[in-house]
């Protein structure tokens, strides 16, 4: 996909949905019901909670309870959500020259990995499988 302008949040949302459709069915099924949203940048509260100083330091965030910590007795307080942050993703795209679809896919897989409670090594292995 080539762009004559900076990709919009809608463009990234479409890429995320295409990337989600292409991941293994077992992963897709396990995160069914998890919302995938694109926002411009993380909010100040999120940055503070993560100890980050600048919104461009965070490309994505899994917000919810990882499967490794869930119980059938838990009452969900809010739906699990994967947030992709447009501006930081675009900055990384420009700085690295990485294919934008692959970058969006890797951020999405990374955040799905957090849903499963995977280690960073396990997540890196999943990212490399595409």
Protein backbone atom coordinates (compact mmCIF):
# COMPACT_ATOMS: atom_id res chain seq x y z
CA UNK A 1 0.00 0.00 0.00
CA UNK A 2 1.52 3.34 -1.03
CA UNK A 3 0.53 6.69 0.42
CA UNK A 4 0.70 10.19 -1.00
CA UNK A 5 -0.16 11.57 2.45
CA UNK A 6 0.43 10.41 6.03
CA UNK A 7 -1.71 7.33 6.66
CA UNK A 8 -4.81 8.14 8.68
CA UNK A 9 -6.12 6.35 11.74
CA UNK A 10 -8.61 4.65 9.39
CA UNK A 11 -5.73 3.45 7.16
CA UNK A 12 -3.98 1.93 10.18
CA UNK A 13 -7.26 0.41 11.38
CA UNK A 14 -7.67 -1.32 8.00
CA UNK A 15 -4.09 -2.59 8.16
CA UNK A 16 -4.64 -3.88 11.69
CA UNK A 17 -7.82 -5.68 10.62
CA UNK A 18 -6.01 -7.24 7.63
CA UNK A 19 -3.10 -8.25 9.85
CA UNK A 20 -5.50 -9.70 12.43
CA UNK A 21 -7.26 -11.74 9.73
CA UNK A 22 -3.89 -13.19 8.66
CA UNK A 23 -2.68 -14.39 12.08
CA UNK A 24 -3.16 -18.06 13.02
CA UNK A 25 -6.79 -19.01 13.67
CA UNK A 26 -6.02 -20.23 17.20
CA UNK A 27 -4.70 -16.79 18.16
CA UNK A 28 -7.65 -15.03 16.52
CA UNK A 29 -10.13 -17.23 18.35
CA UNK A 30 -8.41 -16.73 21.69
CA UNK A 31 -8.67 -12.93 21.43
CA UNK A 32 -12.16 -12.86 19.95
CA UNK A 33 -14.08 -10.02 21.54
CA UNK A 34 -10.94 -7.95 22.10
CA UNK A 35 -11.36 -4.50 20.57
CA UNK A 36 -8.61 -3.18 18.30
CA UNK A 37 -8.56 0.60 18.31
CA UNK A 38 -6.29 3.20 16.72
CA UNK A 39 -5.65 6.42 18.62
CA UNK A 40 -3.31 9.28 17.73
CA UNK A 41 -1.06 9.07 20.83
CA UNK A 42 -1.27 7.61 24.31
CA UNK A 43 -2.88 9.88 26.87
CA UNK A 44 -0.95 11.50 29.74
CA UNK A 45 -2.39 9.07 32.30
CA UNK A 46 -1.10 6.07 30.30
CA UNK A 47 2.34 7.63 29.86
CA UNK A 48 2.58 8.39 33.56
CA UNK A 49 1.46 4.88 34.54
CA UNK A 50 4.15 3.37 32.29
CA UNK A 51 6.84 5.84 33.32
CA UNK A 52 7.22 7.23 29.80
CA UNK A 53 8.09 10.84 29.12
CA UNK A 54 7.05 11.21 25.49
CA UNK A 55 3.98 9.84 23.66
CA UNK A 56 6.12 8.67 20.71
CA UNK A 57 7.78 6.07 22.95
CA UNK A 58 4.69 3.80 22.85
CA UNK A 59 3.36 2.26 19.62
CA UNK A 60 0.76 -0.03 21.16
CA UNK A 61 -0.82 -1.14 24.41
CA UNK A 62 -2.81 -4.12 25.58
CA UNK A 63 -5.38 -2.99 28.12
CA UNK A 64 -7.06 -5.81 29.98
CA UNK A 65 -6.32 -8.91 32.01
CA UNK A 66 -3.87 -11.38 30.43
CA UNK A 67 -5.28 -14.90 30.02
CA UNK A 68 -2.66 -16.16 32.48
CA UNK A 69 -4.30 -14.01 35.17
CA UNK A 70 -7.99 -14.52 34.32
CA UNK A 71 -10.36 -16.67 36.28
CA UNK A 72 -13.81 -17.88 35.26
CA UNK A 73 -14.98 -16.34 38.54
CA UNK A 74 -13.76 -12.85 37.56
CA UNK A 75 -16.40 -10.30 36.67
CA UNK A 76 -15.08 -8.30 33.70
CA UNK A 77 -14.92 -4.59 34.46
CA UNK A 78 -14.29 -3.55 30.85
CA UNK A 79 -13.54 -5.30 27.56
CA UNK A 80 -9.96 -6.17 26.69
CA UNK A 81 -8.59 -3.67 24.19
CA UNK A 82 -5.54 -3.45 21.95
CA UNK A 83 -4.61 0.15 21.27
CA UNK A 84 -2.40 1.08 18.33
CA UNK A 85 -0.97 4.60 18.45
CA UNK A 86 -0.83 6.21 15.02
CA UNK A 87 1.80 8.92 15.49
CA UNK A 88 4.41 6.72 17.22
CA UNK A 89 3.87 4.00 14.59
CA UNK A 90 4.36 6.53 11.78
CA UNK A 91 7.50 7.92 13.47
CA UNK A 92 8.94 4.39 13.74
CA UNK A 93 7.97 3.73 10.11
CA UNK A 94 9.84 6.85 8.97
CA UNK A 95 12.87 6.22 11.20
CA UNK A 96 13.30 2.53 10.37
CA UNK A 97 12.04 2.31 6.79
CA UNK A 98 10.15 -0.83 7.83
CA UNK A 99 7.16 -1.80 5.68
CA UNK A 100 4.18 -0.07 7.33
CA UNK A 101 1.88 -3.10 7.13
CA UNK A 102 4.57 -5.30 8.71
CA UNK A 103 5.12 -2.71 11.44
CA UNK A 104 1.39 -2.51 12.24
CA UNK A 105 1.24 -6.33 12.19
CA UNK A 106 4.18 -6.61 14.60
CA UNK A 107 2.70 -4.08 17.04
CA UNK A 108 -0.61 -5.95 16.91
CA UNK A 109 1.06 -9.34 17.47
CA UNK A 110 3.13 -7.87 20.29
CA UNK A 111 0.00 -6.67 22.06
CA UNK A 112 -1.84 -9.97 21.44
CA UNK A 113 1.18 -11.64 23.02
CA UNK A 114 0.60 -9.58 26.16
CA UNK A 115 -3.00 -10.87 26.19
CA UNK A 116 -1.56 -14.39 26.47
CA UNK A 117 1.07 -13.36 29.01
CA UNK A 118 3.87 -14.31 26.58
CA UNK A 119 7.46 -13.33 27.31
CA UNK A 120 9.19 -10.79 25.07
CA UNK A 121 11.19 -13.67 23.53
CA UNK A 122 7.99 -15.57 22.66
CA UNK A 123 6.46 -12.40 21.20
CA UNK A 124 9.58 -11.73 19.09
CA UNK A 125 9.34 -15.28 17.71
CA UNK A 126 5.67 -14.69 16.74
CA UNK A 127 6.54 -11.36 15.08
CA UNK A 128 9.22 -13.06 13.00
CA UNK A 129 6.80 -15.65 11.64
CA UNK A 130 5.18 -13.27 9.17
